[in-house]
PDB file of all heavy atoms in Angstrom:
ATOM      1  N   LEU A   1     -19.070 -16.464   8.127  1.00  0.00           N
ATOM      2  CA  LEU A   1     -18.537 -17.742   8.591  1.00  0.00           C
ATOM      3  C   LEU A   1     -19.647 -18.781   8.580  1.00  0.00           C
ATOM      4  O   LEU A   1     -20.812 -18.471   8.825  1.00  0.00           O
ATOM      5  CB  LEU A   1     -17.973 -17.585  10.000  1.00  0.00           C
ATOM      6  CG  LEU A   1     -16.768 -16.665  10.130  1.00  0.00           C
ATOM      7  CD1 LEU A   1     -16.397 -16.527  11.596  1.00  0.00           C
ATOM      8  CD2 LEU A   1     -15.589 -17.173   9.329  1.00  0.00           C
ATOM      9  N   PRO A   2     -19.319 -20.025   8.286  1.00  0.00           N
ATOM     10  CA  PRO A   2     -20.345 -21.070   8.277  1.00  0.00           C
ATOM     11  C   PRO A   2     -21.010 -21.209   9.640  1.00  0.00           C
ATOM     12  O   PRO A   2     -20.374 -21.067  10.681  1.00  0.00           O
ATOM     13  CB  PRO A   2     -19.550 -22.330   7.919  1.00  0.00           C
ATOM     14  CG  PRO A   2     -18.314 -21.841   7.246  1.00  0.00           C
ATOM     15  CD  PRO A   2     -18.012 -20.517   7.888  1.00  0.00           C
ATOM     16  N   THR A   3     -22.297 -21.503   9.632  1.00  0.00           N
ATOM     17  CA  THR A   3     -23.047 -21.715  10.871  1.00  0.00           C
ATOM     18  C   THR A   3     -22.816 -23.145  11.360  1.00  0.00           C
ATOM     19  O   THR A   3     -22.203 -23.967  10.677  1.00  0.00           O
ATOM     20  CB  THR A   3     -24.534 -21.501  10.608  1.00  0.00           C
ATOM     21  OG1 THR A   3     -24.960 -22.441   9.611  1.00  0.00           O
ATOM     22  CG2 THR A   3     -24.799 -20.082  10.117  1.00  0.00           C
ATOM     23  N   ARG A   4     -23.344 -23.432  12.546  1.00  0.00           N
ATOM     24  CA  ARG A   4     -23.229 -24.798  13.065  1.00  0.00           C
ATOM     25  C   ARG A   4     -23.951 -25.778  12.159  1.00  0.00           C
ATOM     26  O   ARG A   4     -23.518 -26.921  11.978  1.00  0.00           O
ATOM     27  CB  ARG A   4     -23.796 -24.860  14.486  1.00  0.00           C
ATOM     28  CG  ARG A   4     -23.583 -26.241  15.085  1.00  0.00           C
ATOM     29  CD  ARG A   4     -24.242 -26.415  16.424  1.00  0.00           C
ATOM     30  NE  ARG A   4     -24.126 -27.805  16.866  1.00  0.00           N
ATOM     31  CZ  ARG A   4     -24.736 -28.309  17.919  1.00  0.00           C
ATOM     32  NH1 ARG A   4     -25.509 -27.537  18.655  1.00  0.00           N
ATOM     33  NH2 ARG A   4     -24.570 -29.576  18.249  1.00  0.00           N
ATOM     34  N   ALA A   5     -25.064 -25.323  11.572  1.00  0.00           N
ATOM     35  CA  ALA A   5     -25.798 -26.204  10.659  1.00  0.00           C
ATOM     36  C   ALA A   5     -24.918 -26.617   9.488  1.00  0.00           C
ATOM     37  O   ALA A   5     -24.921 -27.789   9.079  1.00  0.00           O
ATOM     38  CB  ALA A   5     -27.056 -25.498  10.152  1.00  0.00           C
ATOM     39  N   ALA A   6     -24.151 -25.666   8.936  1.00  0.00           N
ATOM     40  CA  ALA A   6     -23.254 -25.982   7.825  1.00  0.00           C
ATOM     41  C   ALA A   6     -22.185 -26.975   8.267  1.00  0.00           C
ATOM     42  O   ALA A   6     -21.870 -27.935   7.549  1.00  0.00           O
ATOM     43  CB  ALA A   6     -22.613 -24.699   7.288  1.00  0.00           C
ATOM     44  N   LEU A   7     -21.635 -26.757   9.453  1.00  0.00           N
ATOM     45  CA  LEU A   7     -20.592 -27.655   9.946  1.00  0.00           C
ATOM     46  C   LEU A   7     -21.131 -29.067  10.165  1.00  0.00           C
ATOM     47  O   LEU A   7     -20.480 -30.058   9.817  1.00  0.00           O
ATOM     48  CB  LEU A   7     -19.999 -27.103  11.245  1.00  0.00           C
ATOM     49  CG  LEU A   7     -19.227 -25.782  11.129  1.00  0.00           C
ATOM     50  CD1 LEU A   7     -18.802 -25.303  12.513  1.00  0.00           C
ATOM     51  CD2 LEU A   7     -18.009 -25.956  10.237  1.00  0.00           C
ATOM     52  N   GLU A   8     -22.324 -29.160  10.746  1.00  0.00           N
ATOM     53  CA  GLU A   8     -22.897 -30.481  11.013  1.00  0.00           C
ATOM     54  C   GLU A   8     -23.257 -31.201   9.712  1.00  0.00           C
ATOM     55  O   GLU A   8     -23.081 -32.417   9.584  1.00  0.00           O
ATOM     56  CB  GLU A   8     -24.133 -30.351  11.904  1.00  0.00           C
ATOM     57  CG  GLU A   8     -23.828 -29.890  13.324  1.00  0.00           C
ATOM     58  CD  GLU A   8     -22.905 -30.862  14.058  1.00  0.00           C
ATOM     59  OE1 GLU A   8     -22.996 -32.085  13.812  1.00  0.00           O
ATOM     60  OE2 GLU A   8     -22.089 -30.401  14.874  1.00  0.00           O
ATOM     61  N   ALA A   9     -23.774 -30.449   8.741  1.00  0.00           N
ATOM     62  CA  ALA A   9     -24.094 -31.063   7.452  1.00  0.00           C
ATOM     63  C   ALA A   9     -22.824 -31.523   6.749  1.00  0.00           C
ATOM     64  O   ALA A   9     -22.789 -32.606   6.138  1.00  0.00           O
ATOM     65  CB  ALA A   9     -24.865 -30.077   6.574  1.00  0.00           C
ATOM     66  N   ASN A  10     -21.777 -30.705   6.834  1.00  0.00           N
ATOM     67  CA  ASN A  10     -20.494 -31.110   6.246  1.00  0.00           C
ATOM     68  C   ASN A  10     -19.907 -32.329   6.958  1.00  0.00           C
ATOM     69  O   ASN A  10     -19.288 -33.194   6.333  1.00  0.00           O
ATOM     70  CB  ASN A  10     -19.504 -29.944   6.298  1.00  0.00           C
ATOM     71  CG  ASN A  10     -19.803 -28.881   5.266  1.00  0.00           C
ATOM     72  OD1 ASN A  10     -20.406 -29.160   4.234  1.00  0.00           O
ATOM     73  ND2 ASN A  10     -19.398 -27.655   5.539  1.00  0.00           N
ATOM     74  N   ARG A  11     -20.106 -32.373   8.264  1.00  0.00           N
ATOM     75  CA  ARG A  11     -19.623 -33.533   9.021  1.00  0.00           C
ATOM     76  C   ARG A  11     -20.342 -34.813   8.555  1.00  0.00           C
ATOM     77  O   ARG A  11     -19.712 -35.870   8.370  1.00  0.00           O
ATOM     78  CB  ARG A  11     -19.854 -33.312  10.518  1.00  0.00           C
ATOM     79  CG  ARG A  11     -19.166 -34.340  11.411  1.00  0.00           C
ATOM     80  CD  ARG A  11     -19.609 -34.152  12.847  1.00  0.00           C
ATOM     81  NE  ARG A  11     -19.285 -32.837  13.359  1.00  0.00           N
ATOM     82  CZ  ARG A  11     -18.117 -32.529  13.927  1.00  0.00           C
ATOM     83  NH1 ARG A  11     -17.185 -33.454  14.052  1.00  0.00           N
ATOM     84  NH2 ARG A  11     -17.907 -31.314  14.379  1.00  0.00           N
ATOM     85  N   ALA A  12     -21.652 -34.701   8.369  1.00  0.00           N
ATOM     86  CA  ALA A  12     -22.416 -35.856   7.884  1.00  0.00           C
ATOM     87  C   ALA A  12     -21.979 -36.246   6.478  1.00  0.00           C
ATOM     88  O   ALA A  12     -21.884 -37.438   6.143  1.00  0.00           O
ATOM     89  CB  ALA A  12     -23.912 -35.532   7.901  1.00  0.00           C
ATOM     90  N   THR A  13     -21.683 -35.245   5.638  1.00  0.00           N
ATOM     91  CA  THR A  13     -21.201 -35.516   4.282  1.00  0.00           C
ATOM     92  C   THR A  13     -19.862 -36.231   4.323  1.00  0.00           C
ATOM     93  O   THR A  13     -19.615 -37.183   3.569  1.00  0.00           O
ATOM     94  CB  THR A  13     -21.071 -34.202   3.482  1.00  0.00           C
ATOM     95  OG1 THR A  13     -22.333 -33.537   3.446  1.00  0.00           O
ATOM     96  CG2 THR A  13     -20.618 -34.473   2.059  1.00  0.00           C
ATOM     97  N   ALA A  14     -18.984 -35.771   5.211  1.00  0.00           N
ATOM     98  CA  ALA A  14     -17.653 -36.379   5.322  1.00  0.00           C
ATOM     99  C   ALA A  14     -17.758 -37.862   5.670  1.00  0.00           C
ATOM    100  O   ALA A  14     -17.000 -38.689   5.148  1.00  0.00           O
ATOM    101  CB  ALA A  14     -16.820 -35.635   6.359  1.00  0.00           C
ATOM    102  N   LYS A  15     -18.705 -38.222   6.532  1.00  0.00           N
ATOM    103  CA  LYS A  15     -18.874 -39.633   6.893  1.00  0.00           C
ATOM    104  C   LYS A  15     -19.286 -40.462   5.687  1.00  0.00           C
ATOM    105  O   LYS A  15     -18.799 -41.586   5.474  1.00  0.00           O
ATOM    106  CB  LYS A  15     -19.905 -39.760   8.010  1.00  0.00           C
ATOM    107  CG  LYS A  15     -19.438 -39.184   9.345  1.00  0.00           C
ATOM    108  CD  LYS A  15     -20.513 -39.328  10.421  1.00  0.00           C
ATOM    109  CE  LYS A  15     -20.032 -38.750  11.749  1.00  0.00           C
ATOM    110  NZ  LYS A  15     -21.077 -38.854  12.796  1.00  0.00           N
ATOM    111  N   LEU A  16     -20.189 -39.909   4.864  1.00  0.00           N
ATOM    112  CA  LEU A  16     -20.586 -40.615   3.648  1.00  0.00           C
ATOM    113  C   LEU A  16     -19.406 -40.791   2.700  1.00  0.00           C
ATOM    114  O   LEU A  16     -19.217 -41.853   2.096  1.00  0.00           O
ATOM    115  CB  LEU A  16     -21.706 -39.839   2.938  1.00  0.00           C
ATOM    116  CG  LEU A  16     -23.089 -39.803   3.610  1.00  0.00           C
ATOM    117  CD1 LEU A  16     -24.033 -38.925   2.796  1.00  0.00           C
ATOM    118  CD2 LEU A  16     -23.661 -41.199   3.755  1.00  0.00           C
ATOM    119  N   LEU A  17     -18.624 -39.724   2.573  1.00  0.00           N
ATOM    120  CA  LEU A  17     -17.482 -39.752   1.646  1.00  0.00           C
ATOM    121  C   LEU A  17     -16.431 -40.766   2.101  1.00  0.00           C
ATOM    122  O   LEU A  17     -15.895 -41.534   1.290  1.00  0.00           O
ATOM    123  CB  LEU A  17     -16.869 -38.363   1.543  1.00  0.00           C
ATOM    124  CG  LEU A  17     -17.763 -37.264   0.962  1.00  0.00           C
ATOM    125  CD1 LEU A  17     -17.088 -35.909   1.085  1.00  0.00           C
ATOM    126  CD2 LEU A  17     -18.102 -37.559  -0.493  1.00  0.00           C
ATOM    127  N   ILE A  18     -16.129 -40.766   3.384  1.00  0.00           N
ATOM    128  CA  ILE A  18     -15.101 -41.674   3.895  1.00  0.00           C
ATOM    129  C   ILE A  18     -15.572 -43.124   3.800  1.00  0.00           C
ATOM    130  O   ILE A  18     -14.778 -44.036   3.540  1.00  0.00           O
ATOM    131  CB  ILE A  18     -14.730 -41.290   5.338  1.00  0.00           C
ATOM    132  CG1 ILE A  18     -14.040 -39.915   5.332  1.00  0.00           C
ATOM    133  CG2 ILE A  18     -13.816 -42.335   5.974  1.00  0.00           C
ATOM    134  CD1 ILE A  18     -13.844 -39.311   6.693  1.00  0.00           C
ATOM    135  N   GLN A  19     -16.867 -43.336   3.962  1.00  0.00           N
ATOM    136  CA  GLN A  19     -17.400 -44.683   3.792  1.00  0.00           C
ATOM    137  C   GLN A  19     -17.178 -45.176   2.358  1.00  0.00           C
ATOM    138  O   GLN A  19     -16.828 -46.333   2.129  1.00  0.00           O
ATOM    139  CB  GLN A  19     -18.892 -44.691   4.129  1.00  0.00           C
ATOM    140  CG  GLN A  19     -19.531 -46.075   4.030  1.00  0.00           C
ATOM    141  CD  GLN A  19     -21.010 -46.043   4.384  1.00  0.00           C
ATOM    142  OE1 GLN A  19     -21.532 -45.042   4.857  1.00  0.00           O
ATOM    143  NE2 GLN A  19     -21.688 -47.147   4.129  1.00  0.00           N
ATOM    144  N   GLN A  20     -17.354 -44.264   1.393  1.00  0.00           N
ATOM    145  CA  GLN A  20     -17.105 -44.634  -0.005  1.00  0.00           C
ATOM    146  C   GLN A  20     -15.616 -44.840  -0.274  1.00  0.00           C
ATOM    147  O   GLN A  20     -15.225 -45.711  -1.050  1.00  0.00           O
ATOM    148  CB  GLN A  20     -17.659 -43.560  -0.939  1.00  0.00           C
ATOM    149  CG  GLN A  20     -19.159 -43.532  -1.036  1.00  0.00           C
ATOM    150  CD  GLN A  20     -19.725 -44.842  -1.571  1.00  0.00           C
ATOM    151  OE1 GLN A  20     -19.219 -45.396  -2.542  1.00  0.00           O
ATOM    152  NE2 GLN A  20     -20.782 -45.343  -0.929  1.00  0.00           N
ATOM    153  N   LEU A  21     -14.771 -44.027   0.367  1.00  0.00           N
ATOM    154  CA  LEU A  21     -13.327 -44.230   0.226  1.00  0.00           C
ATOM    155  C   LEU A  21     -12.928 -45.621   0.721  1.00  0.00           C
ATOM    156  O   LEU A  21     -11.995 -46.238   0.197  1.00  0.00           O
ATOM    157  CB  LEU A  21     -12.557 -43.169   1.014  1.00  0.00           C
ATOM    158  CG  LEU A  21     -12.434 -41.778   0.401  1.00  0.00           C
ATOM    159  CD1 LEU A  21     -11.670 -40.864   1.352  1.00  0.00           C
ATOM    160  CD2 LEU A  21     -11.735 -41.826  -0.948  1.00  0.00           C
ATOM    161  N   ALA A  22     -13.632 -46.094   1.719  1.00  0.00           N
ATOM    162  CA  ALA A  22     -13.293 -47.397   2.296  1.00  0.00           C
ATOM    163  C   ALA A  22     -13.870 -48.552   1.501  1.00  0.00           C
ATOM    164  O   ALA A  22     -13.186 -49.568   1.281  1.00  0.00           O
ATOM    165  CB  ALA A  22     -13.786 -47.458   3.743  1.00  0.00           C
ATOM    166  N   ASP A  23     -15.126 -48.431   1.043  1.00  0.00           N
ATOM    167  CA  ASP A  23     -15.830 -49.593   0.496  1.00  0.00           C
ATOM    168  C   ASP A  23     -16.306 -49.423  -0.944  1.00  0.00           C
ATOM    169  O   ASP A  23     -16.778 -50.389  -1.547  1.00  0.00           O
ATOM    170  CB  ASP A  23     -17.063 -49.918   1.365  1.00  0.00           C
ATOM    171  CG  ASP A  23     -16.701 -50.098   2.831  1.00  0.00           C
ATOM    172  OD1 ASP A  23     -15.626 -50.676   3.095  1.00  0.00           O
ATOM    173  OD2 ASP A  23     -17.476 -49.664   3.693  1.00  0.00           O
ATOM    174  N   GLY A  24     -16.213 -48.221  -1.495  1.00  0.00           N
ATOM    175  CA  GLY A  24     -16.802 -47.979  -2.809  1.00  0.00           C
ATOM    176  C   GLY A  24     -15.941 -48.479  -3.956  1.00  0.00           C
ATOM    177  O   GLY A  24     -14.803 -48.928  -3.780  1.00  0.00           O
ATOM    178  N   SER A  25     -16.498 -48.377  -5.153  1.00  0.00           N
ATOM    179  CA  SER A  25     -15.748 -48.689  -6.367  1.00  0.00           C
ATOM    180  C   SER A  25     -14.699 -47.609  -6.604  1.00  0.00           C
ATOM    181  O   SER A  25     -14.685 -46.569  -5.930  1.00  0.00           O
ATOM    182  CB  SER A  25     -16.695 -48.762  -7.562  1.00  0.00           C
ATOM    183  OG  SER A  25     -17.277 -47.477  -7.786  1.00  0.00           O
ATOM    184  N   LEU A  26     -13.819 -47.846  -7.576  1.00  0.00           N
ATOM    185  CA  LEU A  26     -12.796 -46.845  -7.879  1.00  0.00           C
ATOM    186  C   LEU A  26     -13.439 -45.533  -8.311  1.00  0.00           C
ATOM    187  O   LEU A  26     -12.979 -44.447  -7.927  1.00  0.00           O
ATOM    188  CB  LEU A  26     -11.865 -47.355  -8.980  1.00  0.00           C
ATOM    189  CG  LEU A  26     -10.767 -46.379  -9.427  1.00  0.00           C
ATOM    190  CD1 LEU A  26      -9.889 -45.979  -8.248  1.00  0.00           C
ATOM    191  CD2 LEU A  26      -9.939 -46.983 -10.547  1.00  0.00           C
ATOM    192  N   GLY A  27     -14.526 -45.632  -9.085  1.00  0.00           N
ATOM    193  CA  GLY A  27     -15.216 -44.412  -9.488  1.00  0.00           C
ATOM    194  C   GLY A  27     -15.776 -43.652  -8.301  1.00  0.00           C
ATOM    195  O   GLY A  27     -15.661 -42.429  -8.215  1.00  0.00           O
ATOM    196  N   ALA A  28     -16.391 -44.374  -7.364  1.00  0.00           N
ATOM    197  CA  ALA A  28     -16.942 -43.734  -6.173  1.00  0.00           C
ATOM    198  C   ALA A  28     -15.834 -43.137  -5.318  1.00  0.00           C
ATOM    199  O   ALA A  28     -15.981 -42.045  -4.761  1.00  0.00           O
ATOM    200  CB  ALA A  28     -17.746 -44.749  -5.371  1.00  0.00           C
ATOM    201  N   LYS A  29     -14.715 -43.844  -5.208  1.00  0.00           N
ATOM    202  CA  LYS A  29     -13.581 -43.320  -4.441  1.00  0.00           C
ATOM    203  C   LYS A  29     -13.041 -42.042  -5.069  1.00  0.00           C
ATOM    204  O   LYS A  29     -12.636 -41.112  -4.363  1.00  0.00           O
ATOM    205  CB  LYS A  29     -12.480 -44.372  -4.350  1.00  0.00           C
ATOM    206  CG  LYS A  29     -12.827 -45.574  -3.478  1.00  0.00           C
ATOM    207  CD  LYS A  29     -11.696 -46.588  -3.478  1.00  0.00           C
ATOM    208  CE  LYS A  29     -12.045 -47.788  -2.592  1.00  0.00           C
ATOM    209  NZ  LYS A  29     -10.953 -48.793  -2.586  1.00  0.00           N
TER     210      LYS A  29
END
């Protein structure tokens, strides 16, 4: 099972991804 480190890193990744979904170009989205 993923460790807390994996979950926290994925959480940080999700924030970057959602920021691009909101403000990025179509390619970035």
